[in-house]
Amino acid sequence: MRQMVLFLDDILTHYQVCAADRPFVSCNKGTQMVDFEEGGLVALVGRNISVRRKQLSLRQDQVAEAIGVEPETVSRFERAAHAPALKTLEKLAPILGVTPDMLLRGDALPVPNEIEIVQSYLLALSNDNRAFVIKTFRDLALHLIALQAQPAETDTGE
């Protein structure tokens, strides 16, 4: 797995350096060819970032702030105008509730469940805001649990 990640990082780095001169890059890993034209790896990663961000109802600016880039950078990733570096993918994946390799694969991304959606919201917050939300959530949940434990009042009409 580590070799695959390093190999893909080399490809993405190479693409960033020479995309204008060489839109099609071959590699020495067997007979594999990596196509950076429409439908290639960079487009696939961008599409996966966009799909997952929308599944989680996150805006580009929220994702950008969480990973420390400008919103335009996230837009460039999604449009396949720029390939994210591996370090950026490693920051981005947890925000989107996936692993970096899931963003690199052509498989359909799993539909997030409610916990993954809430987790993505929390990860997009600053540490202070995240702590505040967690404390507020805990307090609210404990309050509702206490209310549920009380016997239901019945209206006797008297």
C-alpha atoms as a PDB file:
ATOM      1  CA  MET A   1       0.000   0.000   0.000  1.00  0.00           C
ATOM      2  CA  ARG A   2       2.795   2.417   0.938  1.00  0.00           C
ATOM      3  CA  GLN A   3       4.499   1.759  -2.413  1.00  0.00           C
ATOM      4  CA  MET A   4       1.260   2.492  -4.281  1.00  0.00           C
ATOM      5  CA  VAL A   5       0.805   5.762  -2.390  1.00  0.00           C
ATOM      6  CA  LEU A   6       4.390   6.825  -3.089  1.00  0.00           C
ATOM      7  CA  PHE A   7       3.987   5.863  -6.737  1.00  0.00           C
ATOM      8  CA  LEU A   8       0.778   7.904  -7.040  1.00  0.00           C
ATOM      9  CA  ASP A   9       2.389  10.827  -5.229  1.00  0.00           C
ATOM     10  CA  ASP A  10       5.235  10.747  -7.764  1.00  0.00           C
ATOM     11  CA  ILE A  11       2.718  10.725 -10.608  1.00  0.00           C
ATOM     12  CA  LEU A  12       0.690  13.611  -9.172  1.00  0.00           C
ATOM     13  CA  THR A  13       3.864  15.619  -8.499  1.00  0.00           C
ATOM     14  CA  HIS A  14       5.094  14.931 -12.028  1.00  0.00           C
ATOM     15  CA  TYR A  15       1.722  16.000 -13.400  1.00  0.00           C
ATOM     16  CA  GLN A  16       1.840  19.294 -11.505  1.00  0.00           C
ATOM     17  CA  VAL A  17       5.304  20.049 -12.901  1.00  0.00           C
ATOM     18  CA  CYS A  18       4.804  19.133 -16.541  1.00  0.00           C
ATOM     19  CA  ALA A  19       1.073  18.915 -17.253  1.00  0.00           C
ATOM     20  CA  ALA A  20       1.243  21.641 -19.879  1.00  0.00           C
ATOM     21  CA  ASP A  21       3.997  19.873 -21.806  1.00  0.00           C
ATOM     22  CA  ARG A  22       2.975  16.237 -21.354  1.00  0.00           C
ATOM     23  CA  PRO A  23      -0.731  15.555 -20.817  1.00  0.00           C
ATOM     24  CA  PHE A  24      -0.117  11.818 -21.119  1.00  0.00           C
ATOM     25  CA  VAL A  25       2.458  10.234 -18.839  1.00  0.00           C
ATOM     26  CA  SER A  26       3.696   6.663 -18.924  1.00  0.00           C
ATOM     27  CA  CYS A  27       5.269   4.898 -16.003  1.00  0.00           C
ATOM     28  CA  ASN A  28       7.558   1.941 -15.519  1.00  0.00           C
ATOM     29  CA  LYS A  29       5.127  -0.102 -13.415  1.00  0.00           C
ATOM     30  CA  GLY A  30       4.406  -2.959 -15.800  1.00  0.00           C
ATOM     31  CA  THR A  31       2.271  -1.892 -18.729  1.00  0.00           C
ATOM     32  CA  GLN A  32       0.237   0.691 -16.807  1.00  0.00           C
ATOM     33  CA  MET A  33      -0.373   4.035 -18.411  1.00  0.00           C
ATOM     34  CA  VAL A  34      -1.769   6.939 -16.433  1.00  0.00           C
ATOM     35  CA  ASP A  35      -3.973   9.183 -18.537  1.00  0.00           C
ATOM     36  CA  PHE A  36      -4.249  12.748 -17.268  1.00  0.00           C
ATOM     37  CA  GLU A  37      -6.663  13.779 -19.989  1.00  0.00           C
ATOM     38  CA  GLU A  38     -10.395  14.051 -19.286  1.00  0.00           C
ATOM     39  CA  GLY A  39     -11.437  10.986 -17.326  1.00  0.00           C
ATOM     40  CA  GLY A  40      -7.901  10.392 -16.008  1.00  0.00           C
ATOM     41  CA  LEU A  41      -6.620  10.188 -12.440  1.00  0.00           C
ATOM     42  CA  VAL A  42      -6.735  13.912 -11.694  1.00  0.00           C
ATOM     43  CA  ALA A  43     -10.304  14.140 -13.009  1.00  0.00           C
ATOM     44  CA  LEU A  44     -11.265  11.066 -10.990  1.00  0.00           C
ATOM     45  CA  VAL A  45      -9.848  12.533  -7.773  1.00  0.00           C
ATOM     46  CA  GLY A  46     -11.573  15.844  -8.437  1.00  0.00           C
ATOM     47  CA  ARG A  47     -14.876  14.157  -9.140  1.00  0.00           C
ATOM     48  CA  ASN A  48     -14.584  12.077  -5.962  1.00  0.00           C
ATOM     49  CA  ILE A  49     -13.802  15.165  -3.863  1.00  0.00           C
ATOM     50  CA  SER A  50     -16.783  17.003  -5.346  1.00  0.00           C
ATOM     51  CA  VAL A  51     -19.218  14.104  -4.950  1.00  0.00           C
ATOM     52  CA  ARG A  52     -18.244  13.416  -1.358  1.00  0.00           C
ATOM     53  CA  ARG A  53     -18.280  17.097  -0.375  1.00  0.00           C
ATOM     54  CA  LYS A  54     -21.795  17.420  -1.767  1.00  0.00           C
ATOM     55  CA  GLN A  55     -22.928  14.196  -0.074  1.00  0.00           C
ATOM     56  CA  LEU A  56     -21.877  15.754   3.222  1.00  0.00           C
ATOM     57  CA  SER A  57     -23.495  19.121   2.384  1.00  0.00           C
ATOM     58  CA  LEU A  58     -20.188  20.915   2.846  1.00  0.00           C
ATOM     59  CA  ARG A  59     -19.263  24.069   0.945  1.00  0.00           C
ATOM     60  CA  GLN A  60     -15.919  24.489  -0.781  1.00  0.00           C
ATOM     61  CA  ASP A  61     -14.945  27.277   1.622  1.00  0.00           C
ATOM     62  CA  GLN A  62     -15.606  25.021   4.636  1.00  0.00           C
ATOM     63  CA  VAL A  63     -13.426  22.267   3.207  1.00  0.00           C
ATOM     64  CA  ALA A  64     -10.735  24.785   2.256  1.00  0.00           C
ATOM     65  CA  GLU A  65     -10.605  26.268   5.741  1.00  0.00           C
ATOM     66  CA  ALA A  66     -10.388  22.816   7.316  1.00  0.00           C
ATOM     67  CA  ILE A  67      -7.346  21.824   5.231  1.00  0.00           C
ATOM     68  CA  GLY A  68      -5.692  25.265   5.211  1.00  0.00           C
ATOM     69  CA  VAL A  69      -6.060  26.277   1.569  1.00  0.00           C
ATOM     70  CA  GLU A  70      -8.014  28.892  -0.349  1.00  0.00           C
ATOM     71  CA  PRO A  71     -11.539  28.006  -1.559  1.00  0.00           C
ATOM     72  CA  GLU A  72     -10.347  28.432  -5.151  1.00  0.00           C
ATOM     73  CA  THR A  73      -7.861  25.605  -4.555  1.00  0.00           C
ATOM     74  CA  VAL A  74     -10.676  23.206  -3.661  1.00  0.00           C
ATOM     75  CA  SER A  75     -12.493  24.360  -6.790  1.00  0.00           C
ATOM     76  CA  ARG A  76      -9.375  23.641  -8.871  1.00  0.00           C
ATOM     77  CA  PHE A  77      -9.145  20.139  -7.383  1.00  0.00           C
ATOM     78  CA  GLU A  78     -12.792  19.449  -8.206  1.00  0.00           C
ATOM     79  CA  ARG A  79     -12.468  20.769 -11.766  1.00  0.00           C
ATOM     80  CA  ALA A  80      -9.258  18.758 -12.262  1.00  0.00           C
ATOM     81  CA  ALA A  81      -7.383  21.970 -12.991  1.00  0.00           C
ATOM     82  CA  HIS A  82      -4.858  21.078 -10.293  1.00  0.00           C
ATOM     83  CA  ALA A  83      -3.866  17.788  -8.693  1.00  0.00           C
ATOM     84  CA  PRO A  84      -3.813  17.764  -4.887  1.00  0.00           C
ATOM     85  CA  ALA A  85      -0.543  16.680  -3.299  1.00  0.00           C
ATOM     86  CA  LEU A  86      -0.571  13.511  -1.226  1.00  0.00           C
ATOM     87  CA  LYS A  87      -0.226  15.536   1.994  1.00  0.00           C
ATOM     88  CA  THR A  88      -3.310  17.512   0.965  1.00  0.00           C
ATOM     89  CA  LEU A  89      -5.222  14.303   0.237  1.00  0.00           C
ATOM     90  CA  GLU A  90      -4.224  13.042   3.692  1.00  0.00           C
ATOM     91  CA  LYS A  91      -5.716  16.208   5.255  1.00  0.00           C
ATOM     92  CA  LEU A  92      -8.770  16.172   3.005  1.00  0.00           C
ATOM     93  CA  ALA A  93      -9.802  12.537   3.385  1.00  0.00           C
ATOM     94  CA  PRO A  94     -10.822  12.662   7.074  1.00  0.00           C
ATOM     95  CA  ILE A  95     -12.865  15.814   6.448  1.00  0.00           C
ATOM     96  CA  LEU A  96     -14.731  13.885   3.751  1.00  0.00           C
ATOM     97  CA  GLY A  97     -14.993  10.754   5.892  1.00  0.00           C
ATOM     98  CA  VAL A  98     -12.973   8.597   3.519  1.00  0.00           C
ATOM     99  CA  THR A  99      -9.407   7.338   3.168  1.00  0.00           C
ATOM    100  CA  PRO A 100      -6.983   8.923   0.677  1.00  0.00           C
ATOM    101  CA  ASP A 101      -7.001   5.788  -1.474  1.00  0.00           C
ATOM    102  CA  MET A 102     -10.814   5.981  -1.745  1.00  0.00           C
ATOM    103  CA  LEU A 103     -10.388   9.377  -3.415  1.00  0.00           C
ATOM    104  CA  LEU A 104      -7.920   7.824  -5.879  1.00  0.00           C
ATOM    105  CA  ARG A 105     -10.086   4.867  -6.889  1.00  0.00           C
ATOM    106  CA  GLY A 106     -12.764   4.664  -9.535  1.00  0.00           C
ATOM    107  CA  ASP A 107     -15.147   2.820  -7.212  1.00  0.00           C
ATOM    108  CA  ALA A 108     -18.325   4.608  -6.190  1.00  0.00           C
ATOM    109  CA  LEU A 109     -17.920   6.321  -2.846  1.00  0.00           C
ATOM    110  CA  PRO A 110     -20.146   4.915  -0.118  1.00  0.00           C
ATOM    111  CA  VAL A 111     -23.116   7.029   0.900  1.00  0.00           C
ATOM    112  CA  PRO A 112     -22.248   8.585   4.256  1.00  0.00           C
ATOM    113  CA  ASN A 113     -24.331   7.722   7.297  1.00  0.00           C
ATOM    114  CA  GLU A 114     -25.484  10.297   9.859  1.00  0.00           C
ATOM    115  CA  ILE A 115     -22.454   9.771  12.093  1.00  0.00           C
ATOM    116  CA  GLU A 116     -20.033  10.355   9.194  1.00  0.00           C
ATOM    117  CA  ILE A 117     -21.909  13.520   8.242  1.00  0.00           C
ATOM    118  CA  VAL A 118     -21.726  14.883  11.793  1.00  0.00           C
ATOM    119  CA  GLN A 119     -18.064  13.879  11.981  1.00  0.00           C
ATOM    120  CA  SER A 120     -17.290  15.798   8.786  1.00  0.00           C
ATOM    121  CA  TYR A 121     -18.949  18.899  10.254  1.00  0.00           C
ATOM    122  CA  LEU A 122     -16.872  18.581  13.412  1.00  0.00           C
ATOM    123  CA  LEU A 123     -13.618  18.086  11.519  1.00  0.00           C
ATOM    124  CA  ALA A 124     -14.303  21.215   9.479  1.00  0.00           C
ATOM    125  CA  LEU A 125     -14.387  23.322  12.680  1.00  0.00           C
ATOM    126  CA  SER A 126     -11.498  24.902  14.540  1.00  0.00           C
ATOM    127  CA  ASN A 127     -10.424  23.108  17.723  1.00  0.00           C
ATOM    128  CA  ASP A 128     -12.174  25.645  19.969  1.00  0.00           C
ATOM    129  CA  ASN A 129     -15.414  25.528  18.012  1.00  0.00           C
ATOM    130  CA  ARG A 130     -15.286  21.732  17.858  1.00  0.00           C
ATOM    131  CA  ALA A 131     -14.894  21.529  21.660  1.00  0.00           C
ATOM    132  CA  PHE A 132     -17.830  23.915  22.096  1.00  0.00           C
ATOM    133  CA  VAL A 133     -20.080  21.873  19.792  1.00  0.00           C
ATOM    134  CA  ILE A 134     -19.142  18.592  21.481  1.00  0.00           C
ATOM    135  CA  LYS A 135     -19.834  20.011  24.957  1.00  0.00           C
ATOM    136  CA  THR A 136     -23.157  21.475  23.805  1.00  0.00           C
ATOM    137  CA  PHE A 137     -24.140  18.217  22.130  1.00  0.00           C
ATOM    138  CA  ARG A 138     -23.229  16.204  25.227  1.00  0.00           C
ATOM    139  CA  ASP A 139     -25.245  18.538  27.483  1.00  0.00           C
ATOM    140  CA  LEU A 140     -28.248  18.408  25.146  1.00  0.00           C
ATOM    141  CA  ALA A 141     -28.098  14.625  24.836  1.00  0.00           C
ATOM    142  CA  LEU A 142     -27.896  14.173  28.628  1.00  0.00           C
ATOM    143  CA  HIS A 143     -30.853  16.531  29.083  1.00  0.00           C
ATOM    144  CA  LEU A 144     -32.952  14.585  26.562  1.00  0.00           C
ATOM    145  CA  ILE A 145     -31.967  11.262  28.139  1.00  0.00           C
ATOM    146  CA  ALA A 146     -33.128  12.575  31.530  1.00  0.00           C
ATOM    147  CA  LEU A 147     -36.439  13.711  30.000  1.00  0.00           C
ATOM    148  CA  GLN A 148     -36.986  10.292  28.443  1.00  0.00           C
ATOM    149  CA  ALA A 149     -36.381   8.605  31.797  1.00  0.00           C
ATOM    150  CA  GLN A 150     -39.217  10.550  33.440  1.00  0.00           C
ATOM    151  CA  PRO A 151     -42.590   8.825  33.403  1.00  0.00           C
ATOM    152  CA  ALA A 152     -44.984  10.313  30.885  1.00  0.00           C
ATOM    153  CA  GLU A 153     -47.582  12.599  32.428  1.00  0.00           C
ATOM    154  CA  THR A 154     -51.126  11.628  31.628  1.00  0.00           C
ATOM    155  CA  ASP A 155     -53.956  14.090  31.313  1.00  0.00           C
ATOM    156  CA  THR A 156     -56.838  12.851  33.485  1.00  0.00           C
ATOM    157  CA  GLY A 157     -59.082  15.770  32.568  1.00  0.00           C
ATOM    158  CA  GLU A 158     -59.574  16.871  36.190  1.00  0.00           C
END
